[in-house]
N, C-alpha and C. Protein backbone atom coordinates (compact mmCIF):
# COMPACT_ATOMS: atom_id res chain seq x y z
N GLN A 1 9.61 70.12 -62.70
CA GLN A 1 9.31 70.59 -60.83
C GLN A 1 9.91 69.54 -59.85
N VAL A 2 10.67 70.38 -59.16
CA VAL A 2 11.60 69.24 -58.34
C VAL A 2 11.15 69.01 -56.76
N GLN A 3 10.99 68.31 -56.57
CA GLN A 3 10.39 67.47 -55.26
C GLN A 3 11.25 66.94 -54.69
N LEU A 4 10.98 66.89 -52.99
CA LEU A 4 11.73 66.47 -52.00
C LEU A 4 11.30 65.50 -51.03
N VAL A 5 11.19 64.32 -50.83
CA VAL A 5 9.95 63.50 -50.52
C VAL A 5 10.05 62.75 -49.15
N GLU A 6 10.14 63.12 -47.79
CA GLU A 6 10.56 62.75 -47.33
C GLU A 6 9.17 61.65 -46.88
N SER A 7 9.85 60.61 -45.66
CA SER A 7 9.52 59.47 -45.71
C SER A 7 10.29 58.65 -43.96
N GLY A 8 9.45 57.22 -43.72
CA GLY A 8 10.16 56.68 -42.84
C GLY A 8 9.90 57.42 -41.05
N GLY A 9 9.34 58.94 -40.72
CA GLY A 9 9.04 59.84 -39.37
C GLY A 9 8.18 58.26 -38.66
N GLY A 10 7.64 58.71 -37.62
CA GLY A 10 6.86 57.97 -36.40
C GLY A 10 6.98 57.80 -35.62
N LEU A 11 6.50 57.06 -34.70
CA LEU A 11 5.99 56.84 -32.87
C LEU A 11 7.37 55.67 -32.89
N VAL A 12 8.30 56.19 -31.76
CA VAL A 12 9.38 54.36 -31.09
C VAL A 12 9.50 55.46 -30.01
N GLN A 13 10.14 54.51 -29.00
CA GLN A 13 10.26 54.50 -27.99
C GLN A 13 11.47 55.08 -27.55
N PRO A 14 12.15 55.22 -26.54
CA PRO A 14 13.63 55.97 -26.48
C PRO A 14 14.31 54.72 -26.43
N GLY A 15 15.50 55.23 -27.40
CA GLY A 15 16.35 53.55 -26.91
C GLY A 15 16.39 52.81 -28.74
N GLY A 16 14.99 53.64 -29.26
CA GLY A 16 14.91 53.03 -30.65
C GLY A 16 15.48 53.51 -31.32
N SER A 17 14.90 52.78 -32.75
CA SER A 17 15.84 53.37 -34.65
C SER A 17 14.96 53.58 -35.08
N LEU A 18 15.15 54.82 -35.95
CA LEU A 18 14.18 55.09 -36.96
C LEU A 18 14.98 55.39 -38.88
N ARG A 19 15.07 55.22 -39.71
CA ARG A 19 15.61 55.49 -40.94
C ARG A 19 14.59 56.27 -41.44
N LEU A 20 15.16 57.07 -41.76
CA LEU A 20 14.38 58.31 -42.72
C LEU A 20 15.07 58.48 -44.30
N SER A 21 14.33 58.21 -45.05
CA SER A 21 14.67 58.69 -46.81
C SER A 21 14.35 60.17 -47.22
N CYS A 22 15.10 61.03 -48.17
CA CYS A 22 14.57 61.33 -48.62
C CYS A 22 15.09 61.04 -50.35
N ALA A 23 13.85 61.42 -50.69
CA ALA A 23 14.04 60.57 -52.28
C ALA A 23 13.83 61.73 -53.40
N ALA A 24 14.52 62.72 -54.70
CA ALA A 24 14.18 63.91 -54.57
C ALA A 24 14.27 63.06 -56.37
N ALA A 25 12.94 64.38 -57.01
CA ALA A 25 12.65 63.73 -58.34
C ALA A 25 13.27 65.49 -59.45
N GLY A 26 13.24 65.72 -60.65
CA GLY A 26 13.82 66.83 -60.67
C GLY A 26 14.78 67.76 -60.60
N ILE A 27 16.11 67.02 -59.44
CA ILE A 27 17.55 67.12 -59.83
C ILE A 27 17.88 66.06 -58.68
N ARG A 28 19.60 65.84 -59.51
CA ARG A 28 20.35 65.12 -59.17
C ARG A 28 20.78 65.87 -58.09
N LEU A 29 20.65 64.23 -57.14
CA LEU A 29 21.47 64.63 -55.44
C LEU A 29 22.70 64.97 -55.42
N SER A 30 23.20 64.30 -56.43
CA SER A 30 24.53 63.90 -56.24
C SER A 30 25.96 65.63 -56.48
N ILE A 31 24.62 66.28 -56.96
CA ILE A 31 25.57 67.37 -56.77
C ILE A 31 25.27 68.44 -55.95
N TYR A 32 24.35 67.82 -54.77
CA TYR A 32 24.02 68.85 -54.23
C TYR A 32 25.32 68.67 -52.78
N THR A 33 24.71 69.68 -51.71
CA THR A 33 24.80 69.28 -50.04
C THR A 33 24.00 69.02 -49.58
N MET A 34 23.23 68.12 -49.65
CA MET A 34 22.22 66.96 -48.63
C MET A 34 22.30 67.57 -47.06
N GLY A 35 20.93 68.25 -46.41
CA GLY A 35 21.31 68.22 -45.12
C GLY A 35 19.30 67.70 -44.63
N TRP A 36 19.92 67.22 -42.90
CA TRP A 36 18.49 67.12 -42.74
C TRP A 36 17.99 68.16 -41.30
N TYR A 37 17.62 68.84 -41.33
CA TYR A 37 17.22 70.13 -40.26
C TYR A 37 15.86 69.25 -39.61
N ARG A 38 15.75 69.40 -37.81
CA ARG A 38 14.03 69.15 -37.56
C ARG A 38 14.26 70.61 -36.45
N GLN A 39 12.55 70.66 -36.86
CA GLN A 39 12.23 71.75 -35.63
C GLN A 39 11.02 70.90 -34.96
N ALA A 40 11.30 71.73 -33.21
CA ALA A 40 10.66 71.00 -32.40
C ALA A 40 9.52 72.24 -32.24
N PRO A 41 8.28 71.77 -31.45
CA PRO A 41 7.76 72.84 -31.35
C PRO A 41 8.41 73.84 -29.90
N GLY A 42 7.79 74.90 -30.68
CA GLY A 42 8.26 76.26 -29.92
C GLY A 42 9.53 76.80 -30.21
N LYS A 43 10.42 75.97 -31.32
CA LYS A 43 12.27 75.99 -30.97
C LYS A 43 12.52 76.43 -33.19
N GLN A 44 13.77 77.01 -32.98
CA GLN A 44 14.36 76.75 -33.77
C GLN A 44 14.32 75.72 -34.77
N ARG A 45 14.57 76.57 -36.49
CA ARG A 45 15.05 74.89 -36.89
C ARG A 45 15.90 74.46 -36.48
N GLU A 46 16.50 73.31 -36.75
CA GLU A 46 18.22 73.38 -36.71
C GLU A 46 19.24 72.22 -37.53
N LEU A 47 20.09 72.39 -37.27
CA LEU A 47 21.35 71.19 -38.39
C LEU A 47 20.63 70.06 -37.87
N VAL A 48 20.35 69.32 -38.40
CA VAL A 48 20.93 67.87 -37.72
C VAL A 48 21.73 66.96 -37.99
N ALA A 49 22.71 67.02 -39.53
CA ALA A 49 23.44 66.35 -40.12
C ALA A 49 23.88 66.48 -41.44
N SER A 50 24.57 66.61 -42.44
CA SER A 50 24.68 67.40 -43.59
C SER A 50 25.65 66.48 -44.24
N ILE A 51 25.84 66.27 -46.16
CA ILE A 51 26.97 65.62 -46.47
C ILE A 51 26.99 66.56 -47.83
N THR A 52 28.69 66.31 -47.80
CA THR A 52 28.46 66.89 -49.20
C THR A 52 28.71 65.87 -50.39
N PRO A 53 28.73 66.69 -51.60
CA PRO A 53 29.03 66.12 -52.94
C PRO A 53 30.09 65.09 -52.90
N VAL A 54 30.75 64.68 -52.22
CA VAL A 54 31.72 64.18 -51.75
C VAL A 54 31.73 63.28 -50.67
N SER A 55 30.52 63.24 -50.02
CA SER A 55 30.50 62.29 -48.80
C SER A 55 30.57 63.17 -48.10
N SER A 56 31.26 63.61 -47.66
CA SER A 56 32.53 64.63 -45.91
C SER A 56 30.33 64.78 -45.07
N THR A 57 30.86 64.08 -44.53
CA THR A 57 30.12 64.69 -43.22
C THR A 57 29.36 65.31 -42.01
N ASN A 58 28.87 65.59 -41.39
CA ASN A 58 28.76 67.09 -40.59
C ASN A 58 27.56 66.59 -39.96
N TYR A 59 28.39 66.72 -38.14
CA TYR A 59 26.29 66.12 -37.70
C TYR A 59 26.32 67.34 -36.24
N ALA A 60 24.96 67.72 -36.15
CA ALA A 60 24.94 68.84 -34.76
C ALA A 60 25.40 67.49 -33.36
N ASP A 61 26.11 68.51 -32.21
CA ASP A 61 26.41 67.70 -30.99
C ASP A 61 25.57 66.59 -30.57
N SER A 62 24.76 67.48 -30.65
CA SER A 62 23.48 66.17 -29.90
C SER A 62 23.02 65.04 -30.50
N VAL A 63 24.08 64.64 -31.75
CA VAL A 63 23.47 63.78 -32.89
C VAL A 63 24.66 62.76 -32.60
N LYS A 64 25.73 63.46 -32.91
CA LYS A 64 27.09 62.77 -33.03
C LYS A 64 27.37 61.24 -32.47
N GLY A 65 27.33 60.05 -33.00
CA GLY A 65 27.64 58.54 -32.78
C GLY A 65 26.75 58.40 -32.70
N ARG A 66 25.33 58.44 -32.56
CA ARG A 66 23.45 57.98 -32.82
C ARG A 66 22.76 58.03 -34.15
N PHE A 67 23.13 59.29 -35.16
CA PHE A 67 22.72 59.33 -36.30
C PHE A 67 23.83 59.13 -37.08
N THR A 68 23.55 58.86 -38.55
CA THR A 68 24.82 58.54 -39.75
C THR A 68 23.12 59.08 -41.22
N LEU A 69 24.05 59.57 -41.08
CA LEU A 69 23.67 60.29 -42.46
C LEU A 69 24.24 59.71 -44.10
N SER A 70 23.99 59.21 -45.16
CA SER A 70 24.48 58.20 -46.59
C SER A 70 23.37 59.41 -47.77
N ARG A 71 23.87 59.02 -48.58
CA ARG A 71 23.65 59.17 -49.66
C ARG A 71 23.75 57.46 -51.26
N ASN A 72 22.40 57.61 -51.93
CA ASN A 72 22.52 57.36 -52.64
C ASN A 72 22.45 57.85 -54.04
N ASN A 73 23.36 57.86 -55.01
CA ASN A 73 23.15 58.45 -55.92
C ASN A 73 22.40 58.22 -57.26
N ALA A 74 22.35 56.67 -57.16
CA ALA A 74 21.86 55.40 -58.06
C ALA A 74 20.66 55.86 -57.91
N GLU A 75 19.82 56.30 -56.51
CA GLU A 75 18.34 55.93 -55.76
C GLU A 75 18.28 57.35 -55.92
N ASN A 76 19.20 58.03 -56.13
CA ASN A 76 18.91 59.73 -55.88
C ASN A 76 18.12 59.76 -54.50
N THR A 77 18.59 58.88 -53.33
CA THR A 77 18.13 59.00 -52.40
C THR A 77 19.03 59.79 -51.32
N VAL A 78 18.75 60.32 -50.69
CA VAL A 78 19.60 60.14 -48.71
C VAL A 78 18.73 59.78 -47.36
N TYR A 79 19.96 59.13 -46.74
CA TYR A 79 19.00 58.38 -46.34
C TYR A 79 19.69 58.69 -43.99
N LEU A 80 19.08 59.07 -43.03
CA LEU A 80 19.40 59.28 -41.90
C LEU A 80 19.30 58.21 -41.09
N GLN A 81 19.89 57.26 -40.79
CA GLN A 81 19.92 56.34 -39.95
C GLN A 81 20.16 57.29 -38.40
N MET A 82 18.69 57.07 -37.31
CA MET A 82 18.95 57.30 -36.60
C MET A 82 18.59 56.25 -35.24
N SER A 83 19.27 56.45 -34.16
CA SER A 83 19.87 55.13 -33.19
C SER A 83 19.79 56.16 -32.42
N SER A 84 19.70 54.70 -31.25
CA SER A 84 19.69 55.59 -29.48
C SER A 84 18.97 57.20 -29.51
N LEU A 85 17.55 56.82 -30.00
CA LEU A 85 16.32 58.14 -30.06
C LEU A 85 16.11 58.19 -28.91
N LYS A 86 16.38 59.94 -28.27
CA LYS A 86 15.58 59.82 -27.16
C LYS A 86 14.73 60.95 -27.16
N PRO A 87 13.72 61.14 -25.93
CA PRO A 87 12.89 62.35 -26.33
C PRO A 87 13.09 63.96 -26.89
N GLU A 88 14.51 63.86 -26.43
CA GLU A 88 14.97 65.43 -27.14
C GLU A 88 14.91 65.26 -28.47
N ASP A 89 14.57 64.51 -29.30
CA ASP A 89 14.88 63.85 -30.85
C ASP A 89 13.69 64.39 -31.40
N THR A 90 12.49 64.31 -30.71
CA THR A 90 10.83 64.36 -31.33
C THR A 90 10.97 65.61 -32.33
N ALA A 91 10.58 66.12 -33.66
CA ALA A 91 10.84 67.08 -33.89
C ALA A 91 10.18 67.08 -35.66
N VAL A 92 9.89 68.00 -36.32
CA VAL A 92 9.74 67.61 -37.24
C VAL A 92 10.92 67.47 -38.58
N TYR A 93 11.56 66.41 -39.17
CA TYR A 93 12.53 66.37 -39.57
C TYR A 93 12.22 66.96 -41.10
N TYR A 94 12.96 67.51 -41.38
CA TYR A 94 13.35 68.18 -42.45
C TYR A 94 14.15 67.75 -44.18
N CYS A 95 13.87 67.49 -45.00
CA CYS A 95 15.28 67.81 -46.35
C CYS A 95 14.93 68.54 -46.74
N ASN A 96 16.30 68.78 -46.98
CA ASN A 96 17.10 69.84 -47.51
C ASN A 96 18.21 69.95 -48.79
N ALA A 97 18.12 70.84 -50.46
CA ALA A 97 19.30 70.58 -50.74
C ALA A 97 19.92 71.32 -51.13
N ASP A 98 21.05 71.74 -51.21
CA ASP A 98 21.84 73.29 -50.70
C ASP A 98 22.50 73.40 -52.43
N LEU A 99 22.38 74.18 -52.79
CA LEU A 99 23.37 74.56 -54.25
C LEU A 99 23.67 76.31 -54.23
N TYR A 100 24.86 76.06 -55.14
CA TYR A 100 25.21 77.34 -55.09
C TYR A 100 24.39 78.36 -55.35
N ASN A 101 23.63 78.43 -55.99
CA ASN A 101 22.33 79.49 -56.87
C ASN A 101 21.12 78.83 -56.14
N GLY A 102 20.62 78.07 -55.00
CA GLY A 102 19.26 78.37 -54.42
C GLY A 102 19.36 76.76 -53.64
N GLN A 103 17.96 76.37 -52.72
CA GLN A 103 17.95 75.15 -52.17
C GLN A 103 16.64 75.45 -52.67
N TYR A 104 16.37 73.80 -51.85
CA TYR A 104 15.11 73.31 -51.90
C TYR A 104 14.78 72.38 -50.37
N TRP A 105 13.74 72.50 -50.60
CA TRP A 105 13.51 71.73 -49.07
C TRP A 105 11.69 70.73 -49.88
N GLY A 106 12.01 69.89 -48.27
CA GLY A 106 10.75 68.96 -48.58
C GLY A 106 9.25 69.09 -47.47
N GLN A 107 9.05 68.73 -47.83
CA GLN A 107 7.63 68.72 -46.19
C GLN A 107 7.85 68.21 -45.69
N GLY A 108 8.54 67.85 -44.78
CA GLY A 108 8.85 67.25 -43.39
C GLY A 108 8.33 66.01 -43.13
N THR A 109 8.60 65.23 -42.53
CA THR A 109 8.23 64.09 -41.45
C THR A 109 7.81 63.85 -40.23
N GLN A 110 6.60 63.49 -39.24
CA GLN A 110 7.21 64.12 -37.76
C GLN A 110 8.32 62.58 -37.15
N VAL A 111 9.23 63.18 -36.87
CA VAL A 111 9.69 61.76 -35.33
C VAL A 111 9.02 61.94 -34.08
N THR A 112 8.72 60.99 -33.76
CA THR A 112 7.94 61.13 -31.60
C THR A 112 8.76 60.28 -31.56
N VAL A 113 9.07 60.40 -30.15
CA VAL A 113 10.51 59.78 -29.55
C VAL A 113 9.01 59.66 -27.74
N SER A 114 8.87 58.50 -27.61
CA SER A 114 7.56 58.93 -26.41
C SER A 114 7.60 56.98 -26.05
N PRO A 115 7.73 56.86 -24.75
CA PRO A 115 7.12 55.44 -23.81
C PRO A 115 5.58 55.30 -24.44
């Protein structure tokens, strides 16, 4: 059974930092393009960042320079380091594993940026 388990969300003040983790069971993340998506209330889910099997990264314009996505294949985990957080970063963050023949989603972790 495939599982993606996100952790690291929480409440943080503007300007603060959080690190999200996505640990996988049942698949080898090293062969997948991994992505973090987020969905704020009343808005569509959007791609935040992605990383290919060769560690090529892509970021949404809104998070460039503030977020860093990395992968640790030995730990079968990807990380999203988020810095200089803003209230508009508040959302449920989802981990995604994408391969040519399908994709998997985690259950999501809440990130709230508020004074």
